[in-house]
Amino acid sequence: MVTQLGIDINKAISEVDMLSRRHGGPFDRGGADSYYRRGYNPHYYTADSIQSDRVEQEDMTDIEIEEYRKGYQENEDDGNFKDWG
């Protein structure tokens, strides 16, 4: 029973991770904000960026905010920023 529970939990975590890393999701938006040097401002879109409803930080779950932070920090650590040249 415990093994099955562990598998179910891992599957649920994986599904949440995939949803948050989609285009317009929290991880994606965090990385984009860092890349374009827009500053840290947790948000995401319900579907594609700009073309769907925007969810602001006050309406985000702790997990969604953490995914945004991870996307932002990963890009900051990589130093991958838009060259406005």
PDB file of N, CA and C in Angstrom:
ATOM      1  N   MET A   1       0.828  -1.200   0.000  1.00  0.00           N
ATOM      2  CA  MET A   1       0.000   0.000   0.000  1.00  0.00           C
ATOM      3  C   MET A   1       0.870   1.261   0.000  1.00  0.00           C
ATOM      4  N   VAL A   2       1.910   1.288   0.802  1.00  0.00           N
ATOM      5  CA  VAL A   2       2.778   2.461   0.861  1.00  0.00           C
ATOM      6  C   VAL A   2       3.466   2.699  -0.474  1.00  0.00           C
ATOM      7  N   THR A   3       3.908   1.621  -1.113  1.00  0.00           N
ATOM      8  CA  THR A   3       4.550   1.773  -2.409  1.00  0.00           C
ATOM      9  C   THR A   3       3.589   2.400  -3.412  1.00  0.00           C
ATOM     10  N   GLN A   4       2.347   1.906  -3.453  1.00  0.00           N
ATOM     11  CA  GLN A   4       1.364   2.467  -4.370  1.00  0.00           C
ATOM     12  C   GLN A   4       1.128   3.942  -4.068  1.00  0.00           C
ATOM     13  N   LEU A   5       1.011   4.283  -2.788  1.00  0.00           N
ATOM     14  CA  LEU A   5       0.825   5.673  -2.403  1.00  0.00           C
ATOM     15  C   LEU A   5       1.993   6.515  -2.899  1.00  0.00           C
ATOM     16  N   GLY A   6       3.220   6.024  -2.744  1.00  0.00           N
ATOM     17  CA  GLY A   6       4.399   6.747  -3.219  1.00  0.00           C
ATOM     18  C   GLY A   6       4.372   6.969  -4.712  1.00  0.00           C
ATOM     19  N   ILE A   7       3.950   5.979  -5.452  1.00  0.00           N
ATOM     20  CA  ILE A   7       3.852   6.108  -6.902  1.00  0.00           C
ATOM     21  C   ILE A   7       2.810   7.168  -7.252  1.00  0.00           C
ATOM     22  N   ASP A   8       1.667   7.131  -6.586  1.00  0.00           N
ATOM     23  CA  ASP A   8       0.615   8.107  -6.855  1.00  0.00           C
ATOM     24  C   ASP A   8       1.079   9.520  -6.543  1.00  0.00           C
ATOM     25  N   ILE A   9       1.782   9.707  -5.446  1.00  0.00           N
ATOM     26  CA  ILE A   9       2.286  11.027  -5.070  1.00  0.00           C
ATOM     27  C   ILE A   9       3.308  11.505  -6.094  1.00  0.00           C
ATOM     28  N   ASN A  10       4.217  10.638  -6.494  1.00  0.00           N
ATOM     29  CA  ASN A  10       5.218  11.027  -7.495  1.00  0.00           C
ATOM     30  C   ASN A  10       4.558  11.394  -8.813  1.00  0.00           C
ATOM     31  N   LYS A  11       3.514  10.674  -9.209  1.00  0.00           N
ATOM     32  CA  LYS A  11       2.799  10.988 -10.442  1.00  0.00           C
ATOM     33  C   LYS A  11       2.139  12.363 -10.328  1.00  0.00           C
ATOM     34  N   ALA A  12       1.517  12.638  -9.193  1.00  0.00           N
ATOM     35  CA  ALA A  12       0.847  13.929  -8.992  1.00  0.00           C
ATOM     36  C   ALA A  12       1.856  15.069  -9.029  1.00  0.00           C
ATOM     37  N   ILE A  13       2.985  14.886  -8.385  1.00  0.00           N
ATOM     38  CA  ILE A  13       4.035  15.915  -8.382  1.00  0.00           C
ATOM     39  C   ILE A  13       4.539  16.136  -9.802  1.00  0.00           C
ATOM     40  N   SER A  14       4.744  15.071 -10.545  1.00  0.00           N
ATOM     41  CA  SER A  14       5.215  15.186 -11.920  1.00  0.00           C
ATOM     42  C   SER A  14       4.215  15.944 -12.784  1.00  0.00           C
ATOM     43  N   GLU A  15       2.917  15.665 -12.594  1.00  0.00           N
ATOM     44  CA  GLU A  15       1.893  16.362 -13.370  1.00  0.00           C
ATOM     45  C   GLU A  15       1.852  17.847 -13.036  1.00  0.00           C
ATOM     46  N   VAL A  16       1.980  18.198 -11.763  1.00  0.00           N
ATOM     47  CA  VAL A  16       2.015  19.601 -11.354  1.00  0.00           C
ATOM     48  C   VAL A  16       3.235  20.275 -11.967  1.00  0.00           C
ATOM     49  N   ASP A  17       4.366  19.590 -11.936  1.00  0.00           N
ATOM     50  CA  ASP A  17       5.604  20.137 -12.488  1.00  0.00           C
ATOM     51  C   ASP A  17       5.453  20.408 -13.982  1.00  0.00           C
ATOM     52  N   MET A  18       4.866  19.489 -14.717  1.00  0.00           N
ATOM     53  CA  MET A  18       4.694  19.678 -16.156  1.00  0.00           C
ATOM     54  C   MET A  18       3.740  20.837 -16.453  1.00  0.00           C
ATOM     55  N   LEU A  19       2.661  20.957 -15.688  1.00  0.00           N
ATOM     56  CA  LEU A  19       1.723  22.050 -15.901  1.00  0.00           C
ATOM     57  C   LEU A  19       2.375  23.394 -15.644  1.00  0.00           C
ATOM     58  N   SER A  20       3.184  23.477 -14.606  1.00  0.00           N
ATOM     59  CA  SER A  20       3.772  24.759 -14.245  1.00  0.00           C
ATOM     60  C   SER A  20       4.882  25.163 -15.208  1.00  0.00           C
ATOM     61  N   ARG A  21       5.441  24.224 -15.947  1.00  0.00           N
ATOM     62  CA  ARG A  21       6.541  24.544 -16.857  1.00  0.00           C
ATOM     63  C   ARG A  21       6.081  24.717 -18.296  1.00  0.00           C
ATOM     64  N   ARG A  22       4.808  24.683 -18.535  1.00  0.00           N
ATOM     65  CA  ARG A  22       4.267  24.907 -19.873  1.00  0.00           C
ATOM     66  C   ARG A  22       4.427  26.379 -20.250  1.00  0.00           C
ATOM     67  N   HIS A  23       4.277  26.672 -21.531  1.00  0.00           N
ATOM     68  CA  HIS A  23       4.332  28.066 -21.982  1.00  0.00           C
ATOM     69  C   HIS A  23       3.229  28.854 -21.282  1.00  0.00           C
ATOM     70  N   GLY A  24       3.605  29.913 -20.636  1.00  0.00           N
ATOM     71  CA  GLY A  24       2.645  30.742 -19.911  1.00  0.00           C
ATOM     72  C   GLY A  24       2.500  30.370 -18.450  1.00  0.00           C
ATOM     73  N   GLY A  25       3.040  29.211 -18.054  1.00  0.00           N
ATOM     74  CA  GLY A  25       2.942  28.753 -16.674  1.00  0.00           C
ATOM     75  C   GLY A  25       3.910  29.500 -15.762  1.00  0.00           C
ATOM     76  N   PRO A  26       3.840  29.263 -14.457  1.00  0.00           N
ATOM     77  CA  PRO A  26       4.672  30.002 -13.500  1.00  0.00           C
ATOM     78  C   PRO A  26       6.179  29.896 -13.754  1.00  0.00           C
ATOM     79  N   PHE A  27       6.688  28.690 -14.005  1.00  0.00           N
ATOM     80  CA  PHE A  27       8.119  28.515 -14.239  1.00  0.00           C
ATOM     81  C   PHE A  27       8.552  29.284 -15.485  1.00  0.00           C
ATOM     82  N   ASP A  28       7.774  29.148 -16.541  1.00  0.00           N
ATOM     83  CA  ASP A  28       8.049  29.840 -17.805  1.00  0.00           C
ATOM     84  C   ASP A  28       8.064  31.353 -17.617  1.00  0.00           C
ATOM     85  N   ARG A  29       7.085  31.885 -16.908  1.00  0.00           N
ATOM     86  CA  ARG A  29       6.994  33.334 -16.707  1.00  0.00           C
ATOM     87  C   ARG A  29       8.136  33.848 -15.839  1.00  0.00           C
ATOM     88  N   GLY A  30       8.537  33.067 -14.830  1.00  0.00           N
ATOM     89  CA  GLY A  30       9.683  33.464 -14.015  1.00  0.00           C
ATOM     90  C   GLY A  30      10.947  33.565 -14.845  1.00  0.00           C
ATOM     91  N   GLY A  31      11.181  32.553 -15.677  1.00  0.00           N
ATOM     92  CA  GLY A  31      12.353  32.577 -16.549  1.00  0.00           C
ATOM     93  C   GLY A  31      12.311  33.730 -17.531  1.00  0.00           C
ATOM     94  N   ALA A  32      11.142  34.005 -18.078  1.00  0.00           N
ATOM     95  CA  ALA A  32      11.001  35.104 -19.040  1.00  0.00           C
ATOM     96  C   ALA A  32      11.229  36.454 -18.364  1.00  0.00           C
ATOM     97  N   ASP A  33      10.693  36.632 -17.165  1.00  0.00           N
ATOM     98  CA  ASP A  33      10.893  37.907 -16.465  1.00  0.00           C
ATOM     99  C   ASP A  33      12.367  38.147 -16.186  1.00  0.00           C
ATOM    100  N   SER A  34      13.078  37.097 -15.794  1.00  0.00           N
ATOM    101  CA  SER A  34      14.515  37.233 -15.569  1.00  0.00           C
ATOM    102  C   SER A  34      15.235  37.527 -16.891  1.00  0.00           C
ATOM    103  N   TYR A  35      14.918  36.774 -17.937  1.00  0.00           N
ATOM    104  CA  TYR A  35      15.571  36.935 -19.235  1.00  0.00           C
ATOM    105  C   TYR A  35      15.438  38.360 -19.755  1.00  0.00           C
ATOM    106  N   TYR A  36      14.254  38.917 -19.645  1.00  0.00           N
ATOM    107  CA  TYR A  36      14.004  40.273 -20.140  1.00  0.00           C
ATOM    108  C   TYR A  36      14.288  41.357 -19.098  1.00  0.00           C
ATOM    109  N   ARG A  37      14.791  40.928 -17.922  1.00  0.00           N
ATOM    110  CA  ARG A  37      15.158  41.859 -16.839  1.00  0.00           C
ATOM    111  C   ARG A  37      13.972  42.690 -16.365  1.00  0.00           C
ATOM    112  N   ARG A  38      12.808  42.049 -16.292  1.00  0.00           N
ATOM    113  CA  ARG A  38      11.606  42.752 -15.852  1.00  0.00           C
ATOM    114  C   ARG A  38      11.459  42.778 -14.343  1.00  0.00           C
ATOM    115  N   GLY A  39      12.312  42.078 -13.630  1.00  0.00           N
ATOM    116  CA  GLY A  39      12.208  42.030 -12.184  1.00  0.00           C
ATOM    117  C   GLY A  39      11.320  40.886 -11.718  1.00  0.00           C
ATOM    118  N   TYR A  40      11.388  40.625 -10.441  1.00  0.00           N
ATOM    119  CA  TYR A  40      10.669  39.511  -9.824  1.00  0.00           C
ATOM    120  C   TYR A  40       9.232  39.931  -9.537  1.00  0.00           C
ATOM    121  N   ASN A  41       8.279  39.321 -10.229  1.00  0.00           N
ATOM    122  CA  ASN A  41       6.871  39.672 -10.085  1.00  0.00           C
ATOM    123  C   ASN A  41       6.022  38.428 -10.386  1.00  0.00           C
ATOM    124  N   PRO A  42       5.858  37.522  -9.402  1.00  0.00           N
ATOM    125  CA  PRO A  42       5.163  36.255  -9.654  1.00  0.00           C
ATOM    126  C   PRO A  42       3.784  36.441 -10.297  1.00  0.00           C
ATOM    127  N   HIS A  43       3.570  35.689 -11.360  1.00  0.00           N
ATOM    128  CA  HIS A  43       2.300  35.657 -12.091  1.00  0.00           C
ATOM    129  C   HIS A  43       2.397  34.514 -13.084  1.00  0.00           C
ATOM    130  N   TYR A  44       1.311  34.195 -13.713  1.00  0.00           N
ATOM    131  CA  TYR A  44       1.302  33.264 -14.835  1.00  0.00           C
ATOM    132  C   TYR A  44       0.017  33.464 -15.621  1.00  0.00           C
ATOM    133  N   TYR A  45      -0.082  32.775 -16.747  1.00  0.00           N
ATOM    134  CA  TYR A  45      -1.268  32.846 -17.599  1.00  0.00           C
ATOM    135  C   TYR A  45      -1.977  31.493 -17.588  1.00  0.00           C
ATOM    136  N   THR A  46      -3.285  31.516 -17.729  1.00  0.00           N
ATOM    137  CA  THR A  46      -4.062  30.279 -17.684  1.00  0.00           C
ATOM    138  C   THR A  46      -3.857  29.417 -18.929  1.00  0.00           C
ATOM    139  N   ALA A  47      -3.391  30.009 -20.002  1.00  0.00           N
ATOM    140  CA  ALA A  47      -3.037  29.279 -21.227  1.00  0.00           C
ATOM    141  C   ALA A  47      -1.800  29.985 -21.796  1.00  0.00           C
ATOM    142  N   ASP A  48      -1.789  30.282 -23.080  1.00  0.00           N
ATOM    143  CA  ASP A  48      -0.621  30.942 -23.666  1.00  0.00           C
ATOM    144  C   ASP A  48      -0.440  32.349 -23.103  1.00  0.00           C
ATOM    145  N   SER A  49       0.812  32.752 -22.978  1.00  0.00           N
ATOM    146  CA  SER A  49       1.147  34.080 -22.466  1.00  0.00           C
ATOM    147  C   SER A  49       0.486  35.173 -23.291  1.00  0.00           C
ATOM    148  N   ILE A  50       0.018  36.192 -22.608  1.00  0.00           N
ATOM    149  CA  ILE A  50      -0.592  37.385 -23.182  1.00  0.00           C
ATOM    150  C   ILE A  50      -1.967  37.094 -23.797  1.00  0.00           C
ATOM    151  N   GLN A  51      -2.193  35.885 -24.282  1.00  0.00           N
ATOM    152  CA  GLN A  51      -3.433  35.553 -24.989  1.00  0.00           C
ATOM    153  C   GLN A  51      -4.486  34.898 -24.088  1.00  0.00           C
ATOM    154  N   SER A  52      -4.227  34.853 -22.791  1.00  0.00           N
ATOM    155  CA  SER A  52      -5.180  34.243 -21.861  1.00  0.00           C
ATOM    156  C   SER A  52      -5.193  35.058 -20.568  1.00  0.00           C
ATOM    157  N   ASP A  53      -6.026  34.645 -19.642  1.00  0.00           N
ATOM    158  CA  ASP A  53      -6.135  35.374 -18.382  1.00  0.00           C
ATOM    159  C   ASP A  53      -4.842  35.290 -17.586  1.00  0.00           C
ATOM    160  N   ARG A  54      -4.459  36.413 -16.990  1.00  0.00           N
ATOM    161  CA  ARG A  54      -3.259  36.489 -16.169  1.00  0.00           C
ATOM    162  C   ARG A  54      -3.652  36.296 -14.707  1.00  0.00           C
ATOM    163  N   VAL A  55      -2.912  35.447 -14.009  1.00  0.00           N
ATOM    164  CA  VAL A  55      -3.123  35.185 -12.593  1.00  0.00           C
ATOM    165  C   VAL A  55      -2.027  35.904 -11.823  1.00  0.00           C
ATOM    166  N   GLU A  56      -2.420  36.798 -10.932  1.00  0.00           N
ATOM    167  CA  GLU A  56      -1.463  37.587 -10.151  1.00  0.00           C
ATOM    168  C   GLU A  56      -1.056  36.847  -8.873  1.00  0.00           C
ATOM    169  N   GLN A  57       0.014  37.299  -8.249  1.00  0.00           N
ATOM    170  CA  GLN A  57       0.585  36.635  -7.082  1.00  0.00           C
ATOM    171  C   GLN A  57      -0.445  36.386  -5.984  1.00  0.00           C
ATOM    172  N   GLU A  58      -1.319  37.351  -5.737  1.00  0.00           N
ATOM    173  CA  GLU A  58      -2.275  37.187  -4.642  1.00  0.00           C
ATOM    174  C   GLU A  58      -3.269  36.053  -4.897  1.00  0.00           C
ATOM    175  N   ASP A  59      -3.368  35.612  -6.134  1.00  0.00           N
ATOM    176  CA  ASP A  59      -4.262  34.508  -6.482  1.00  0.00           C
ATOM    177  C   ASP A  59      -3.523  33.208  -6.769  1.00  0.00           C
ATOM    178  N   MET A  60      -2.210  33.205  -6.553  1.00  0.00           N
ATOM    179  CA  MET A  60      -1.392  32.023  -6.803  1.00  0.00           C
ATOM    180  C   MET A  60      -1.246  31.188  -5.535  1.00  0.00           C
ATOM    181  N   THR A  61      -1.066  29.876  -5.720  1.00  0.00           N
ATOM    182  CA  THR A  61      -0.778  28.994  -4.596  1.00  0.00           C
ATOM    183  C   THR A  61       0.701  29.119  -4.241  1.00  0.00           C
ATOM    184  N   ASP A  62       1.057  28.623  -3.070  1.00  0.00           N
ATOM    185  CA  ASP A  62       2.466  28.614  -2.672  1.00  0.00           C
ATOM    186  C   ASP A  62       3.307  27.822  -3.668  1.00  0.00           C
ATOM    187  N   ILE A  63       2.774  26.728  -4.192  1.00  0.00           N
ATOM    188  CA  ILE A  63       3.503  25.907  -5.158  1.00  0.00           C
ATOM    189  C   ILE A  63       3.721  26.682  -6.457  1.00  0.00           C
ATOM    190  N   GLU A  64       2.724  27.403  -6.919  1.00  0.00           N
ATOM    191  CA  GLU A  64       2.861  28.193  -8.143  1.00  0.00           C
ATOM    192  C   GLU A  64       3.886  29.307  -7.964  1.00  0.00           C
ATOM    193  N   ILE A  65       3.883  29.951  -6.810  1.00  0.00           N
ATOM    194  CA  ILE A  65       4.873  30.998  -6.529  1.00  0.00           C
ATOM    195  C   ILE A  65       6.268  30.405  -6.494  1.00  0.00           C
ATOM    196  N   GLU A  66       6.403  29.232  -5.904  1.00  0.00           N
ATOM    197  CA  GLU A  66       7.708  28.565  -5.847  1.00  0.00           C
ATOM    198  C   GLU A  66       8.184  28.189  -7.255  1.00  0.00           C
ATOM    199  N   GLU A  67       7.286  27.748  -8.118  1.00  0.00           N
ATOM    200  CA  GLU A  67       7.662  27.428  -9.495  1.00  0.00           C
ATOM    201  C   GLU A  67       8.118  28.676 -10.242  1.00  0.00           C
ATOM    202  N   TYR A  68       7.429  29.782 -10.028  1.00  0.00           N
ATOM    203  CA  TYR A  68       7.852  31.046 -10.630  1.00  0.00           C
ATOM    204  C   TYR A  68       9.262  31.382 -10.148  1.00  0.00           C
ATOM    205  N   ARG A  69       9.482  31.271  -8.831  1.00  0.00           N
ATOM    206  CA  ARG A  69      10.790  31.579  -8.253  1.00  0.00           C
ATOM    207  C   ARG A  69      11.880  30.693  -8.859  1.00  0.00           C
ATOM    208  N   LYS A  70      11.574  29.405  -9.017  1.00  0.00           N
ATOM    209  CA  LYS A  70      12.552  28.481  -9.598  1.00  0.00           C
ATOM    210  C   LYS A  70      12.911  28.887 -11.024  1.00  0.00           C
ATOM    211  N   GLY A  71      11.907  29.235 -11.824  1.00  0.00           N
ATOM    212  CA  GLY A  71      12.170  29.664 -13.202  1.00  0.00           C
ATOM    213  C   GLY A  71      13.008  30.926 -13.242  1.00  0.00           C
ATOM    214  N   TYR A  72      12.664  31.873 -12.383  1.00  0.00           N
ATOM    215  CA  TYR A  72      13.394  33.138 -12.313  1.00  0.00           C
ATOM    216  C   TYR A  72      14.844  32.876 -11.888  1.00  0.00           C
ATOM    217  N   GLN A  73      15.018  32.104 -10.810  1.00  0.00           N
ATOM    218  CA  GLN A  73      16.357  31.868 -10.263  1.00  0.00           C
ATOM    219  C   GLN A  73      17.214  31.040 -11.204  1.00  0.00           C
ATOM    220  N   GLU A  74      16.613  30.061 -11.871  1.00  0.00           N
ATOM    221  CA  GLU A  74      17.382  29.246 -12.809  1.00  0.00           C
ATOM    222  C   GLU A  74      17.969  30.114 -13.920  1.00  0.00           C
ATOM    223  N   ASN A  75      17.188  31.038 -14.446  1.00  0.00           N
ATOM    224  CA  ASN A  75      17.709  31.918 -15.485  1.00  0.00           C
ATOM    225  C   ASN A  75      18.741  32.890 -14.923  1.00  0.00           C
ATOM    226  N   GLU A  76      18.516  33.396 -13.719  1.00  0.00           N
ATOM    227  CA  GLU A  76      19.502  34.277 -13.084  1.00  0.00           C
ATOM    228  C   GLU A  76      20.830  33.538 -12.932  1.00  0.00           C
ATOM    229  N   ASP A  77      20.767  32.295 -12.463  1.00  0.00           N
ATOM    230  CA  ASP A  77      21.987  31.498 -12.269  1.00  0.00           C
ATOM    231  C   ASP A  77      22.689  31.229 -13.594  1.00  0.00           C
ATOM    232  N   ASP A  78      21.916  31.022 -14.662  1.00  0.00           N
ATOM    233  CA  ASP A  78      22.490  30.775 -15.987  1.00  0.00           C
ATOM    234  C   ASP A  78      23.068  32.046 -16.604  1.00  0.00           C
ATOM    235  N   GLY A  79      22.598  33.206 -16.157  1.00  0.00           N
ATOM    236  CA  GLY A  79      23.068  34.469 -16.722  1.00  0.00           C
ATOM    237  C   GLY A  79      22.618  34.670 -18.160  1.00  0.00           C
ATOM    238  N   ASN A  80      21.490  34.105 -18.508  1.00  0.00           N
ATOM    239  CA  ASN A  80      20.976  34.165 -19.867  1.00  0.00           C
ATOM    240  C   ASN A  80      19.990  35.331 -19.986  1.00  0.00           C
ATOM    241  N   PHE A  81      20.491  36.483 -20.406  1.00  0.00           N
ATOM    242  CA  PHE A  81      19.653  37.692 -20.453  1.00  0.00           C
ATOM    243  C   PHE A  81      19.589  38.242 -21.879  1.00  0.00           C
ATOM    244  N   LYS A  82      18.488  38.879 -22.188  1.00  0.00           N
ATOM    245  CA  LYS A  82      18.281  39.512 -23.490  1.00  0.00           C
ATOM    246  C   LYS A  82      19.354  40.579 -23.721  1.00  0.00           C
ATOM    247  N   ASP A  83      19.974  40.503 -24.885  1.00  0.00           N
ATOM    248  CA  ASP A  83      20.953  41.526 -25.283  1.00  0.00           C
ATOM    249  C   ASP A  83      20.194  42.601 -26.066  1.00  0.00           C
ATOM    250  N   TRP A  84      19.980  43.714 -25.433  1.00  0.00           N
ATOM    251  CA  TRP A  84      19.223  44.798 -26.060  1.00  0.00           C
ATOM    252  C   TRP A  84      20.093  45.597 -27.030  1.00  0.00           C
ATOM    253  N   GLY A  85      21.387  45.205 -27.112  1.00  0.00           N
ATOM    254  CA  GLY A  85      22.382  45.664 -27.980  1.00  0.00           C
ATOM    255  C   GLY A  85      22.483  46.944 -28.549  1.00  0.00           C
TER     256      GLY A  85
END
